[in-house]
Amino acid sequence: MKAEALQKMVQSRRPFSLRLTDGSLVPVPHPEFILITQDGSTAVVNTTGSEIKIVDVDLVTALETKNGGAKSRRSKRR
């Protein structure tokens, strides 16, 4: 995942989820609930209440919107 793609999703101001390489989803109920570090390598998400998830952005395979649409943003590395 490129940090720029994640930043664009945050700027859209819509709820979304991060799909990780293990298939799990990390919900982002509102873009105000996610912090992306300055170097773009880590995201901290306040999912519910006081629970947070710390995510390595390289492990994000897709950004999924609430309507079920997935936007894969992972660049293939060879």
N, C-alpha and C. Protein backbone atom coordinates (compact mmCIF):
# COMPACT_ATOMS: atom_id res chain seq x y z
N MET A 1 0.85 -1.17 0.00
CA MET A 1 0.00 0.00 0.00
C MET A 1 0.88 1.22 0.00
N LYS A 2 0.55 2.16 -0.82
CA LYS A 2 1.26 3.43 -0.80
C LYS A 2 0.52 4.39 0.11
N ALA A 3 1.28 5.12 0.89
CA ALA A 3 0.69 6.06 1.85
C ALA A 3 -0.17 7.10 1.14
N GLU A 4 0.19 7.46 -0.09
CA GLU A 4 -0.58 8.46 -0.83
C GLU A 4 -2.01 7.98 -1.07
N ALA A 5 -2.18 6.70 -1.39
CA ALA A 5 -3.52 6.15 -1.61
C ALA A 5 -4.34 6.20 -0.33
N LEU A 6 -3.70 5.89 0.78
CA LEU A 6 -4.39 5.94 2.06
C LEU A 6 -4.77 7.39 2.41
N GLN A 7 -3.88 8.32 2.14
CA GLN A 7 -4.17 9.74 2.39
C GLN A 7 -5.37 10.20 1.56
N LYS A 8 -5.44 9.76 0.30
CA LYS A 8 -6.58 10.14 -0.55
C LYS A 8 -7.89 9.62 0.03
N MET A 9 -7.86 8.40 0.55
CA MET A 9 -9.08 7.83 1.14
C MET A 9 -9.48 8.64 2.37
N VAL A 10 -8.52 9.03 3.19
CA VAL A 10 -8.80 9.85 4.37
C VAL A 10 -9.42 11.18 3.94
N GLN A 11 -8.89 11.77 2.89
CA GLN A 11 -9.39 13.06 2.41
C GLN A 11 -10.80 12.96 1.83
N SER A 12 -11.24 11.75 1.46
CA SER A 12 -12.59 11.59 0.91
C SER A 12 -13.66 11.80 1.97
N ARG A 13 -13.25 11.73 3.27
CA ARG A 13 -14.15 11.97 4.40
C ARG A 13 -15.25 10.93 4.53
N ARG A 14 -15.03 9.72 3.97
CA ARG A 14 -16.01 8.64 4.07
C ARG A 14 -15.47 7.53 4.96
N PRO A 15 -16.35 6.76 5.61
CA PRO A 15 -15.89 5.60 6.37
C PRO A 15 -15.31 4.56 5.41
N PHE A 16 -14.31 3.82 5.88
CA PHE A 16 -13.69 2.78 5.07
C PHE A 16 -13.03 1.77 5.99
N SER A 17 -12.52 0.71 5.39
CA SER A 17 -11.80 -0.31 6.15
C SER A 17 -10.48 -0.61 5.46
N LEU A 18 -9.51 -1.02 6.26
CA LEU A 18 -8.22 -1.46 5.74
C LEU A 18 -8.24 -2.98 5.66
N ARG A 19 -8.05 -3.55 4.49
CA ARG A 19 -7.93 -5.00 4.35
C ARG A 19 -6.45 -5.35 4.47
N LEU A 20 -6.13 -6.24 5.42
CA LEU A 20 -4.74 -6.59 5.67
C LEU A 20 -4.35 -7.89 4.96
N THR A 21 -3.06 -8.17 4.89
CA THR A 21 -2.58 -9.35 4.18
C THR A 21 -3.12 -10.65 4.74
N ASP A 22 -3.49 -10.69 6.02
CA ASP A 22 -4.05 -11.91 6.61
C ASP A 22 -5.55 -12.03 6.38
N GLY A 23 -6.14 -11.07 5.63
CA GLY A 23 -7.55 -11.10 5.31
C GLY A 23 -8.44 -10.35 6.28
N SER A 24 -7.89 -9.91 7.41
CA SER A 24 -8.70 -9.20 8.40
C SER A 24 -9.00 -7.77 7.93
N LEU A 25 -10.04 -7.21 8.53
CA LEU A 25 -10.45 -5.84 8.24
C LEU A 25 -10.27 -4.98 9.48
N VAL A 26 -9.74 -3.79 9.29
CA VAL A 26 -9.65 -2.80 10.35
C VAL A 26 -10.58 -1.66 9.95
N PRO A 27 -11.72 -1.52 10.64
CA PRO A 27 -12.68 -0.47 10.26
C PRO A 27 -12.18 0.91 10.69
N VAL A 28 -12.40 1.88 9.81
CA VAL A 28 -12.13 3.28 10.11
C VAL A 28 -13.49 3.97 10.03
N PRO A 29 -14.17 4.14 11.19
CA PRO A 29 -15.54 4.65 11.19
C PRO A 29 -15.67 6.06 10.62
N HIS A 30 -14.62 6.84 10.73
CA HIS A 30 -14.58 8.20 10.19
C HIS A 30 -13.11 8.55 10.01
N PRO A 31 -12.78 9.30 8.98
CA PRO A 31 -11.37 9.65 8.76
C PRO A 31 -10.68 10.34 9.93
N GLU A 32 -11.45 10.94 10.84
CA GLU A 32 -10.84 11.56 12.02
C GLU A 32 -10.32 10.52 13.00
N PHE A 33 -10.63 9.24 12.76
CA PHE A 33 -10.22 8.17 13.66
C PHE A 33 -8.93 7.49 13.23
N ILE A 34 -8.21 8.04 12.23
CA ILE A 34 -6.97 7.45 11.77
C ILE A 34 -5.87 8.50 11.76
N LEU A 35 -4.69 8.07 12.18
CA LEU A 35 -3.49 8.91 12.14
C LEU A 35 -2.46 8.16 11.31
N ILE A 36 -1.88 8.84 10.35
CA ILE A 36 -0.82 8.26 9.53
C ILE A 36 0.46 8.99 9.88
N THR A 37 1.50 8.22 10.20
CA THR A 37 2.76 8.84 10.59
C THR A 37 3.34 9.66 9.44
N GLN A 38 4.23 10.57 9.77
CA GLN A 38 4.80 11.47 8.76
C GLN A 38 5.48 10.73 7.62
N ASP A 39 6.14 9.62 7.93
CA ASP A 39 6.81 8.88 6.86
C ASP A 39 5.87 7.94 6.11
N GLY A 40 4.60 7.86 6.54
CA GLY A 40 3.60 7.07 5.86
C GLY A 40 3.71 5.57 6.07
N SER A 41 4.54 5.13 6.99
CA SER A 41 4.76 3.69 7.16
C SER A 41 3.80 3.05 8.16
N THR A 42 3.18 3.84 9.01
CA THR A 42 2.34 3.30 10.07
C THR A 42 1.04 4.09 10.17
N ALA A 43 -0.06 3.36 10.43
CA ALA A 43 -1.35 3.99 10.66
C ALA A 43 -1.84 3.56 12.04
N VAL A 44 -2.39 4.49 12.79
CA VAL A 44 -2.99 4.20 14.09
C VAL A 44 -4.48 4.50 13.95
N VAL A 45 -5.31 3.47 14.21
CA VAL A 45 -6.75 3.60 14.02
C VAL A 45 -7.46 3.41 15.35
N ASN A 46 -8.31 4.37 15.71
CA ASN A 46 -9.20 4.24 16.88
C ASN A 46 -10.47 3.59 16.34
N THR A 47 -10.61 2.27 16.57
CA THR A 47 -11.71 1.53 15.96
C THR A 47 -13.01 1.68 16.73
N THR A 48 -13.03 1.36 18.02
CA THR A 48 -14.23 1.51 18.84
C THR A 48 -13.82 1.88 20.25
N GLY A 49 -14.55 2.79 20.84
CA GLY A 49 -14.24 3.19 22.21
C GLY A 49 -12.80 3.63 22.36
N SER A 50 -12.08 2.96 23.24
CA SER A 50 -10.68 3.32 23.44
C SER A 50 -9.74 2.31 22.79
N GLU A 51 -10.28 1.41 21.96
CA GLU A 51 -9.45 0.41 21.28
C GLU A 51 -8.74 1.04 20.09
N ILE A 52 -7.44 0.75 19.98
CA ILE A 52 -6.68 1.23 18.82
C ILE A 52 -5.99 0.05 18.16
N LYS A 53 -5.75 0.20 16.87
CA LYS A 53 -4.98 -0.77 16.10
C LYS A 53 -3.83 -0.02 15.48
N ILE A 54 -2.64 -0.59 15.59
CA ILE A 54 -1.46 -0.03 14.95
C ILE A 54 -1.15 -0.92 13.76
N VAL A 55 -1.13 -0.32 12.57
CA VAL A 55 -1.03 -1.08 11.33
C VAL A 55 0.19 -0.63 10.53
N ASP A 56 0.97 -1.62 10.08
CA ASP A 56 2.05 -1.36 9.13
C ASP A 56 1.38 -1.15 7.76
N VAL A 57 1.52 0.01 7.18
CA VAL A 57 0.84 0.35 5.94
C VAL A 57 1.22 -0.61 4.81
N ASP A 58 2.42 -1.17 4.84
CA ASP A 58 2.82 -2.14 3.82
C ASP A 58 1.99 -3.42 3.88
N LEU A 59 1.29 -3.67 4.99
CA LEU A 59 0.46 -4.87 5.12
C LEU A 59 -0.99 -4.65 4.69
N VAL A 60 -1.30 -3.45 4.23
CA VAL A 60 -2.65 -3.15 3.73
C VAL A 60 -2.71 -3.53 2.26
N THR A 61 -3.66 -4.42 1.92
CA THR A 61 -3.78 -4.86 0.53
C THR A 61 -4.88 -4.13 -0.23
N ALA A 62 -5.87 -3.59 0.51
CA ALA A 62 -6.97 -2.89 -0.15
C ALA A 62 -7.64 -1.94 0.84
N LEU A 63 -8.30 -0.95 0.27
CA LEU A 63 -9.13 -0.02 1.02
C LEU A 63 -10.56 -0.29 0.60
N GLU A 64 -11.43 -0.60 1.55
CA GLU A 64 -12.80 -0.96 1.23
C GLU A 64 -13.76 0.06 1.81
N THR A 65 -14.69 0.50 0.97
CA THR A 65 -15.70 1.46 1.42
C THR A 65 -16.89 0.70 1.99
N LYS A 66 -17.74 1.41 2.69
CA LYS A 66 -18.90 0.79 3.35
C LYS A 66 -19.86 0.12 2.37
N ASN A 67 -19.90 0.58 1.13
CA ASN A 67 -20.82 -0.03 0.17
C ASN A 67 -20.27 -1.33 -0.42
N GLY A 68 -19.16 -1.80 0.12
CA GLY A 68 -18.62 -3.07 -0.31
C GLY A 68 -17.60 -2.96 -1.42
N GLY A 69 -17.43 -1.79 -1.97
CA GLY A 69 -16.46 -1.62 -3.05
C GLY A 69 -15.05 -1.62 -2.50
N ALA A 70 -14.20 -2.40 -3.13
CA ALA A 70 -12.80 -2.45 -2.71
C ALA A 70 -11.95 -1.71 -3.71
N LYS A 71 -11.02 -0.97 -3.20
CA LYS A 71 -10.06 -0.29 -4.05
C LYS A 71 -8.69 -0.81 -3.70
N SER A 72 -8.21 -1.72 -4.50
CA SER A 72 -6.88 -2.26 -4.24
C SER A 72 -5.86 -1.21 -4.63
N ARG A 73 -4.98 -0.92 -3.74
CA ARG A 73 -3.98 0.11 -3.98
C ARG A 73 -2.57 -0.45 -3.83
N ARG A 74 -2.46 -1.75 -3.74
CA ARG A 74 -1.16 -2.34 -3.50
C ARG A 74 -0.39 -2.41 -4.80
N SER A 75 0.83 -1.91 -4.78
CA SER A 75 1.68 -2.00 -5.96
C SER A 75 2.42 -3.32 -5.92
N LYS A 76 2.54 -3.95 -7.06
CA LYS A 76 3.24 -5.23 -7.12
C LYS A 76 4.73 -4.97 -7.10
N ARG A 77 5.39 -5.68 -6.24
CA ARG A 77 6.85 -5.53 -6.12
C ARG A 77 7.49 -6.77 -6.67
N ARG A 78 8.47 -6.60 -7.49
CA ARG A 78 9.19 -7.75 -8.06
C ARG A 78 10.66 -7.59 -7.85
